[in-house]
Each structure stands twice: as C-alpha cells, then as structure tokens.
Protein backbone atom coordinates (compact mmCIF):
# COMPACT_ATOMS: atom_id res chain seq x y z
CA MET A 1 -26.63 3.71 -7.64
CA SER A 2 -23.15 2.88 -6.39
CA LYS A 3 -20.30 5.36 -6.28
CA GLY A 4 -17.67 5.51 -9.01
CA PRO A 5 -13.92 5.22 -8.42
CA ARG A 6 -13.25 8.97 -8.26
CA GLU A 7 -16.07 9.56 -5.79
CA LEU A 8 -14.81 6.71 -3.59
CA LEU A 9 -11.28 8.13 -3.69
CA ASN A 10 -12.51 11.62 -2.83
CA ASP A 11 -14.71 10.27 0.00
CA PHE A 12 -11.73 8.41 1.47
CA MET A 13 -9.44 11.43 1.33
CA LYS A 14 -12.12 13.72 2.82
CA GLY A 15 -12.83 11.14 5.51
CA LEU A 16 -9.18 11.20 6.57
CA GLU A 17 -9.30 14.99 6.79
CA ASP A 18 -12.55 14.96 8.77
CA VAL A 19 -11.45 12.31 11.26
CA GLN A 20 -8.13 14.10 11.73
CA GLN A 21 -10.10 16.91 13.39
CA THR A 22 -11.03 14.63 16.31
CA ASN A 23 -8.33 11.96 16.12
CA LYS A 24 -5.23 13.84 15.02
CA ASN A 25 -2.75 11.50 16.72
CA HIS A 26 -4.30 8.38 15.19
CA ILE A 27 -4.36 9.78 11.66
CA ALA A 28 -0.83 11.14 12.05
CA ALA A 29 0.40 7.72 13.23
CA PHE A 30 -1.31 6.03 10.28
CA MET A 31 0.26 8.52 7.85
CA ARG A 32 3.72 7.95 9.38
CA LEU A 33 3.24 4.19 8.96
CA LEU A 34 2.30 4.71 5.31
CA GLY A 35 5.26 7.00 4.79
CA ALA A 36 7.66 4.45 6.23
CA SER A 37 6.05 1.54 4.37
CA TYR A 38 6.06 3.21 0.96
CA LYS A 39 9.52 4.76 1.21
CA PRO A 40 11.57 3.35 -1.68
CA GLU A 41 14.28 1.11 -0.29
CA ALA A 42 14.96 -2.46 -1.46
CA VAL A 43 11.54 -2.40 -3.18
CA ASP A 44 10.52 0.57 -5.32
CA VAL A 45 7.26 2.48 -4.88
CA LYS A 46 5.67 1.11 -8.05
CA THR A 47 6.21 -2.47 -6.88
CA LYS A 48 4.88 -1.63 -3.42
CA GLU A 49 1.75 -0.15 -4.99
CA LEU A 50 1.27 -3.25 -7.16
CA ILE A 51 1.53 -5.38 -4.02
CA SER A 52 -1.05 -3.09 -2.43
CA VAL A 53 -3.38 -3.47 -5.42
CA GLY A 54 -3.26 -7.24 -4.96
CA ILE A 55 -3.90 -7.02 -1.24
CA ALA A 56 -6.78 -4.59 -1.82
CA ALA A 57 -8.40 -6.91 -4.36
CA TYR A 58 -7.92 -9.90 -2.07
CA SER A 59 -9.40 -7.96 0.87
CA ARG A 60 -12.26 -6.62 -1.27
CA CYS A 61 -11.69 -3.16 0.19
CA GLU A 62 -13.28 -0.70 -2.24
CA TYR A 63 -11.49 2.35 -0.85
CA CYS A 64 -8.17 0.49 -0.85
CA ILE A 65 -8.67 -0.61 -4.45
CA VAL A 66 -9.33 2.87 -5.81
CA TYR A 67 -6.58 4.47 -3.72
CA HIS A 68 -3.88 1.97 -4.65
CA VAL A 69 -4.85 1.82 -8.33
CA TYR A 70 -4.49 5.60 -8.39
CA LYS A 71 -1.15 5.47 -6.55
CA ALA A 72 0.12 2.63 -8.78
CA LEU A 73 -0.66 4.66 -11.89
CA GLU A 74 0.97 7.69 -10.27
CA ALA A 75 4.07 5.55 -9.62
CA GLY A 76 4.23 4.59 -13.30
CA ALA A 77 2.48 1.22 -13.33
CA THR A 78 0.71 0.21 -16.52
CA ARG A 79 -2.81 -1.14 -16.89
CA GLU A 80 -1.30 -4.55 -17.64
CA GLU A 81 0.85 -4.54 -14.50
CA ILE A 82 -2.08 -3.51 -12.31
CA MET A 83 -4.38 -6.17 -13.75
CA GLU A 84 -1.68 -8.84 -13.42
CA ALA A 85 -1.17 -7.90 -9.76
CA SER A 86 -4.91 -8.27 -9.21
CA MET A 87 -4.90 -11.68 -10.90
CA VAL A 88 -2.34 -12.87 -8.34
CA ALA A 89 -4.89 -11.86 -5.69
CA VAL A 90 -7.51 -13.90 -7.53
CA ALA A 91 -5.27 -16.96 -7.21
CA PHE A 92 -5.63 -16.60 -3.43
CA GLY A 93 -9.07 -15.02 -3.12
CA GLY A 94 -11.03 -16.82 -5.84
CA GLY A 95 -14.35 -15.56 -7.14
CA PRO A 96 -14.79 -12.58 -4.80
CA SER A 97 -11.35 -11.19 -5.72
CA MET A 98 -12.12 -11.77 -9.40
CA ALA A 99 -15.42 -9.91 -9.05
CA TYR A 100 -13.70 -6.84 -7.63
CA SER A 101 -10.84 -7.08 -10.15
CA VAL A 102 -13.08 -7.15 -13.23
CA THR A 103 -15.38 -4.40 -11.97
CA LEU A 104 -14.17 -1.75 -9.52
CA LEU A 105 -10.45 -2.31 -10.08
CA LYS A 106 -10.81 -2.21 -13.87
CA ASP A 107 -13.13 0.81 -13.63
CA SER A 108 -10.56 2.55 -11.41
CA ILE A 109 -7.87 2.07 -14.05
CA ASP A 110 -10.26 3.40 -16.70
CA GLU A 111 -11.05 6.44 -14.55
CA PHE A 112 -7.56 7.35 -13.31
CA GLU A 113 -5.38 6.28 -16.24
CA LYS A 114 -6.17 9.51 -18.07
CA ASP A 115 -4.92 11.53 -15.08
CA PHE A 116 -1.42 10.29 -15.84
CA ALA A 117 -1.56 9.92 -19.63
CA VAL A 118 0.08 13.31 -20.26
CA GLU A 119 2.96 12.44 -17.96
CA ALA A 120 3.46 9.10 -19.73
CA GLU A 121 3.52 10.79 -23.16
CA ALA A 122 6.06 13.44 -22.07
C-alpha cells in the first residue's frame, strides 16, 4: 500500500532532520535558499506556493506535491486556487501531471485542508 499525504510530508521533514546530522552545511544552504526564495517581495508567499504546486505536479515529485500543497494552504490558498495551479502544470506536462493532480495532489488538499479550516473560519 502506498503512503498517504501526511505520511509523505512527515517522512520528508524527518529525512531533512536525519540528513542534517551528517550534511549540516548542505541542508543549511538548502534552507537558506528556500528562505530567500519564499520571502515575500514583489510576489507574495501564497502566489509563490501556488507556483510551487504547479512545478511539483509538472515534475511529478510526490514529496514536493504534499509539501507545497500544505504550504499553499498555510499561506491561505483555497482548494480552487491549488487545483487551478495544478491544471496549468497539466497544460505543460500532459497526462502524467494530470494523474498526479487528480490523485496525490487532490488527496493532499483533502488531508491538509482541515488543518487550516479553523484559521479560515476565525
């Protein structure tokens, strides 16, 4: 049986922690790059995460999909915005991008959306 979105997200985060034990400089450099890339400047964080969702779907990177769906929801993106971003990826990536969008990406929204539902209602 394949892993669900939350398990994939947790595996990715734990993997970063584990590899940091032996490759601290590499992980730190990667985290600095992410920090600089996702800093809100001319483009806000929500838009950057939607771009990332599209790239993840196009690349068919399972860990990227679950991570960036989670971060997009955290940044305030809606289900509709996330799915639309993934459909732009489908325009470039065809069937494989569609397959990931209608399965893992959709399942990730289903799984993580409830994590942010209280914040949205407040």
